[in-house]
N, C-alpha and C. Protein backbone atom coordinates (compact mmCIF):
# COMPACT_ATOMS: atom_id res chain seq x y z
N MET A 1 80.57 108.05 87.89
CA MET A 1 81.86 107.49 88.20
C MET A 1 82.30 107.96 89.58
N LYS A 2 81.91 107.20 90.56
CA LYS A 2 82.20 107.57 91.93
C LYS A 2 83.67 107.41 92.27
N SER A 3 84.38 106.48 91.64
CA SER A 3 85.77 106.26 92.00
C SER A 3 86.67 107.40 91.56
N ILE A 4 86.25 108.19 90.59
CA ILE A 4 87.08 109.30 90.15
C ILE A 4 87.10 110.39 91.21
N SER A 5 86.06 110.49 92.02
CA SER A 5 86.05 111.52 93.05
C SER A 5 86.83 111.10 94.28
N ARG A 6 87.25 109.85 94.37
CA ARG A 6 88.03 109.40 95.52
C ARG A 6 89.50 109.73 95.31
N PRO A 7 90.16 110.19 96.36
CA PRO A 7 91.57 110.58 96.19
C PRO A 7 92.50 109.40 95.96
N SER A 8 92.10 108.20 96.33
CA SER A 8 93.01 107.06 96.17
C SER A 8 93.27 106.75 94.70
N ILE A 9 92.29 106.92 93.84
CA ILE A 9 92.51 106.65 92.42
C ILE A 9 93.48 107.68 91.83
N PHE A 10 93.39 108.93 92.31
CA PHE A 10 94.33 109.94 91.86
C PHE A 10 95.75 109.64 92.34
N LEU A 11 95.87 109.11 93.54
CA LEU A 11 97.18 108.73 94.06
C LEU A 11 97.79 107.62 93.22
N GLY A 12 96.97 106.65 92.80
CA GLY A 12 97.45 105.57 91.96
C GLY A 12 97.91 106.05 90.60
N ILE A 13 97.13 106.91 89.99
CA ILE A 13 97.49 107.45 88.68
C ILE A 13 98.75 108.31 88.79
N THR A 14 98.84 109.09 89.87
CA THR A 14 100.02 109.92 90.08
C THR A 14 101.27 109.08 90.25
N SER A 15 101.18 108.00 91.01
CA SER A 15 102.36 107.16 91.21
C SER A 15 102.80 106.50 89.91
N ILE A 16 101.85 106.11 89.08
CA ILE A 16 102.20 105.52 87.79
C ILE A 16 102.87 106.55 86.88
N LEU A 17 102.35 107.77 86.87
CA LEU A 17 102.95 108.82 86.04
C LEU A 17 104.34 109.20 86.52
N ILE A 18 104.53 109.28 87.85
CA ILE A 18 105.86 109.59 88.39
C ILE A 18 106.83 108.48 88.03
N PHE A 19 106.37 107.23 88.11
CA PHE A 19 107.24 106.11 87.76
C PHE A 19 107.65 106.16 86.30
N LEU A 20 106.70 106.43 85.41
CA LEU A 20 107.04 106.51 83.99
C LEU A 20 107.98 107.67 83.70
N PHE A 21 107.76 108.80 84.36
CA PHE A 21 108.65 109.94 84.20
C PHE A 21 110.06 109.60 84.71
N GLY A 22 110.12 108.88 85.82
CA GLY A 22 111.42 108.46 86.35
C GLY A 22 112.13 107.50 85.41
N LEU A 23 111.39 106.62 84.77
CA LEU A 23 112.00 105.71 83.81
C LEU A 23 112.61 106.47 82.63
N PHE A 24 111.90 107.47 82.15
CA PHE A 24 112.43 108.27 81.05
C PHE A 24 113.66 109.06 81.50
N MET A 25 113.65 109.51 82.74
CA MET A 25 114.81 110.25 83.26
C MET A 25 116.02 109.34 83.39
N VAL A 26 115.81 108.12 83.87
CA VAL A 26 116.91 107.17 83.99
C VAL A 26 117.42 106.76 82.62
N ALA A 27 116.51 106.53 81.68
CA ALA A 27 116.91 106.14 80.33
C ALA A 27 117.70 107.25 79.64
N GLY A 28 117.36 108.49 79.94
CA GLY A 28 118.08 109.61 79.36
C GLY A 28 119.33 109.99 80.14
N GLU A 29 119.63 109.22 81.17
CA GLU A 29 120.81 109.41 82.02
C GLU A 29 120.86 110.79 82.66
N TYR A 30 119.71 111.27 83.11
CA TYR A 30 119.67 112.50 83.87
C TYR A 30 120.09 112.20 85.31
N PRO A 31 120.70 113.16 85.99
CA PRO A 31 121.26 112.86 87.31
C PRO A 31 120.24 112.55 88.40
N TYR A 32 119.02 113.06 88.30
CA TYR A 32 118.04 112.86 89.36
C TYR A 32 116.97 111.83 89.01
N GLY A 33 117.20 111.05 87.98
CA GLY A 33 116.22 110.05 87.56
C GLY A 33 115.99 108.98 88.60
N SER A 34 117.03 108.55 89.28
CA SER A 34 116.87 107.51 90.30
C SER A 34 116.08 108.03 91.50
N TYR A 35 116.25 109.32 91.83
CA TYR A 35 115.48 109.88 92.94
C TYR A 35 114.00 109.94 92.61
N ILE A 36 113.69 110.21 91.36
CA ILE A 36 112.28 110.24 90.95
C ILE A 36 111.69 108.83 91.02
N LEU A 37 112.49 107.83 90.66
CA LEU A 37 112.02 106.45 90.79
C LEU A 37 111.79 106.07 92.25
N TYR A 38 112.67 106.53 93.14
CA TYR A 38 112.47 106.28 94.57
C TYR A 38 111.19 106.95 95.06
N LEU A 39 110.95 108.16 94.60
CA LEU A 39 109.72 108.86 94.97
C LEU A 39 108.49 108.09 94.47
N ALA A 40 108.57 107.58 93.26
CA ALA A 40 107.46 106.80 92.71
C ALA A 40 107.24 105.53 93.52
N MET A 41 108.30 104.90 93.99
CA MET A 41 108.14 103.70 94.80
C MET A 41 107.52 104.02 96.15
N ILE A 42 107.87 105.15 96.74
CA ILE A 42 107.27 105.54 98.02
C ILE A 42 105.79 105.85 97.84
N VAL A 43 105.46 106.62 96.82
CA VAL A 43 104.05 106.95 96.56
C VAL A 43 103.28 105.68 96.21
N GLY A 44 103.90 104.78 95.46
CA GLY A 44 103.25 103.51 95.11
C GLY A 44 103.02 102.64 96.33
N ALA A 45 103.96 102.63 97.27
CA ALA A 45 103.78 101.85 98.49
C ALA A 45 102.65 102.41 99.35
N VAL A 46 102.57 103.73 99.41
CA VAL A 46 101.47 104.36 100.15
C VAL A 46 100.14 104.00 99.50
N TYR A 47 100.10 104.06 98.18
CA TYR A 47 98.87 103.70 97.47
C TYR A 47 98.51 102.23 97.67
N TRP A 48 99.51 101.36 97.68
CA TRP A 48 99.27 99.94 97.87
C TRP A 48 98.69 99.67 99.25
N ILE A 49 99.25 100.29 100.28
CA ILE A 49 98.72 100.13 101.64
C ILE A 49 97.32 100.72 101.73
N TRP A 50 97.10 101.85 101.09
CA TRP A 50 95.78 102.48 101.08
C TRP A 50 94.76 101.56 100.41
N GLY A 51 95.16 100.91 99.32
CA GLY A 51 94.26 99.99 98.63
C GLY A 51 93.90 98.78 99.49
N ILE A 52 94.88 98.24 100.20
CA ILE A 52 94.62 97.10 101.09
C ILE A 52 93.67 97.52 102.21
N LEU A 53 93.91 98.69 102.79
CA LEU A 53 93.01 99.17 103.85
C LEU A 53 91.61 99.46 103.32
N ASP A 54 91.55 99.96 102.09
CA ASP A 54 90.24 100.24 101.49
C ASP A 54 89.43 98.95 101.31
N VAL A 55 90.11 97.88 100.94
CA VAL A 55 89.42 96.59 100.79
C VAL A 55 88.96 96.08 102.16
N THR A 56 89.81 96.18 103.17
CA THR A 56 89.47 95.60 104.47
C THR A 56 88.35 96.34 105.18
N VAL A 57 88.20 97.63 104.94
CA VAL A 57 87.16 98.38 105.64
C VAL A 57 85.89 98.57 104.80
N ALA A 58 85.84 98.01 103.61
CA ALA A 58 84.65 98.16 102.77
C ALA A 58 83.47 97.44 103.43
N PRO A 59 82.44 98.17 103.81
CA PRO A 59 81.32 97.55 104.53
C PRO A 59 80.38 96.74 103.65
N ASP A 60 80.40 96.99 102.35
CA ASP A 60 79.43 96.34 101.47
C ASP A 60 79.96 95.07 100.81
N LEU A 61 81.21 94.73 101.04
CA LEU A 61 81.75 93.50 100.46
C LEU A 61 81.47 92.32 101.38
N LYS A 62 81.15 91.21 100.78
CA LYS A 62 80.98 89.98 101.55
C LYS A 62 82.36 89.43 101.88
N ARG A 63 82.39 88.47 102.79
CA ARG A 63 83.68 87.96 103.26
C ARG A 63 84.51 87.35 102.12
N TYR A 64 83.88 86.56 101.27
CA TYR A 64 84.64 85.94 100.18
C TYR A 64 85.11 86.98 99.17
N GLN A 65 84.36 88.07 99.00
CA GLN A 65 84.79 89.14 98.10
C GLN A 65 86.00 89.87 98.67
N LYS A 66 85.98 90.11 99.99
CA LYS A 66 87.13 90.75 100.62
C LYS A 66 88.37 89.88 100.50
N VAL A 67 88.20 88.58 100.73
CA VAL A 67 89.34 87.67 100.62
C VAL A 67 89.89 87.68 99.19
N PHE A 68 89.00 87.65 98.22
CA PHE A 68 89.43 87.69 96.82
C PHE A 68 90.22 88.95 96.52
N TRP A 69 89.67 90.11 96.89
CA TRP A 69 90.34 91.37 96.59
C TRP A 69 91.62 91.54 97.40
N LEU A 70 91.66 91.01 98.61
CA LEU A 70 92.90 91.08 99.38
C LEU A 70 93.99 90.23 98.74
N ILE A 71 93.63 89.06 98.25
CA ILE A 71 94.62 88.22 97.57
C ILE A 71 95.15 88.94 96.33
N ILE A 72 94.26 89.54 95.56
CA ILE A 72 94.67 90.26 94.35
C ILE A 72 95.53 91.47 94.71
N ALA A 73 95.09 92.26 95.70
CA ALA A 73 95.81 93.49 96.06
C ALA A 73 97.17 93.19 96.68
N ILE A 74 97.29 92.11 97.43
CA ILE A 74 98.58 91.79 98.05
C ILE A 74 99.52 91.09 97.08
N SER A 75 99.00 90.22 96.24
CA SER A 75 99.88 89.46 95.35
C SER A 75 100.37 90.28 94.15
N ILE A 76 99.58 91.24 93.71
CA ILE A 76 100.00 92.11 92.60
C ILE A 76 99.96 93.55 93.14
N PRO A 77 101.03 94.01 93.78
CA PRO A 77 100.97 95.22 94.60
C PRO A 77 100.27 96.43 94.00
N MET A 78 100.78 97.07 93.01
CA MET A 78 100.15 98.29 92.50
C MET A 78 98.93 97.98 91.64
N ILE A 79 99.07 97.01 90.80
CA ILE A 79 98.01 96.70 89.84
C ILE A 79 96.76 96.16 90.54
N GLY A 80 96.95 95.36 91.58
CA GLY A 80 95.81 94.80 92.31
C GLY A 80 94.97 95.87 92.97
N ALA A 81 95.62 96.84 93.61
CA ALA A 81 94.88 97.93 94.25
C ALA A 81 94.20 98.81 93.20
N PHE A 82 94.88 99.03 92.08
CA PHE A 82 94.31 99.84 91.01
C PHE A 82 93.11 99.14 90.38
N LEU A 83 93.20 97.83 90.19
CA LEU A 83 92.07 97.08 89.66
C LEU A 83 90.87 97.14 90.59
N TYR A 84 91.13 97.04 91.89
CA TYR A 84 90.03 97.14 92.85
C TYR A 84 89.36 98.50 92.74
N GLN A 85 90.15 99.56 92.64
CA GLN A 85 89.57 100.90 92.53
C GLN A 85 88.74 101.06 91.26
N LEU A 86 89.22 100.50 90.16
CA LEU A 86 88.49 100.63 88.90
C LEU A 86 87.25 99.75 88.84
N MET A 87 87.38 98.52 89.33
CA MET A 87 86.27 97.57 89.25
C MET A 87 85.18 97.84 90.28
N HIS A 88 85.53 98.49 91.35
CA HIS A 88 84.59 98.69 92.44
C HIS A 88 84.09 100.13 92.46
N ARG A 89 83.79 100.66 91.27
CA ARG A 89 83.31 102.03 91.16
C ARG A 89 81.99 102.24 91.89
N GLN A 90 81.01 101.49 91.46
CA GLN A 90 79.70 101.60 92.10
C GLN A 90 79.53 100.36 92.95
N ARG A 91 79.31 100.57 94.19
CA ARG A 91 79.22 99.45 95.13
C ARG A 91 78.12 98.48 94.71
N ASN A 92 78.43 97.21 94.80
CA ASN A 92 77.54 96.09 94.46
C ASN A 92 77.21 96.00 92.97
N LYS A 93 77.93 96.69 92.11
CA LYS A 93 77.67 96.59 90.67
C LYS A 93 78.68 95.66 90.01
N ALA A 94 79.95 95.97 90.09
CA ALA A 94 80.97 95.14 89.46
C ALA A 94 82.01 94.77 90.50
N VAL A 95 81.84 93.59 91.07
CA VAL A 95 82.80 93.15 92.09
C VAL A 95 83.36 91.82 91.69
């Protein structure tokens, strides 16, 4: 599992966990819940940009594969980048 050793997948999982924690904080009406949600959105935006850059600089993807993954990553911001990271574990295996 090569994608587990990449820091971008950890950033994606971290942003999802921070977001879920922020949702629980807001639902429980804690005073800093909205700040945690803002932090999750910032980390998620960084991960989204990182995912788009990861797709564009991938040397082993063909042009139509890059276009496909860029459309997915841009149209579905967090989930698209996360899907690319999960599906593209071993290069040229599952694209």
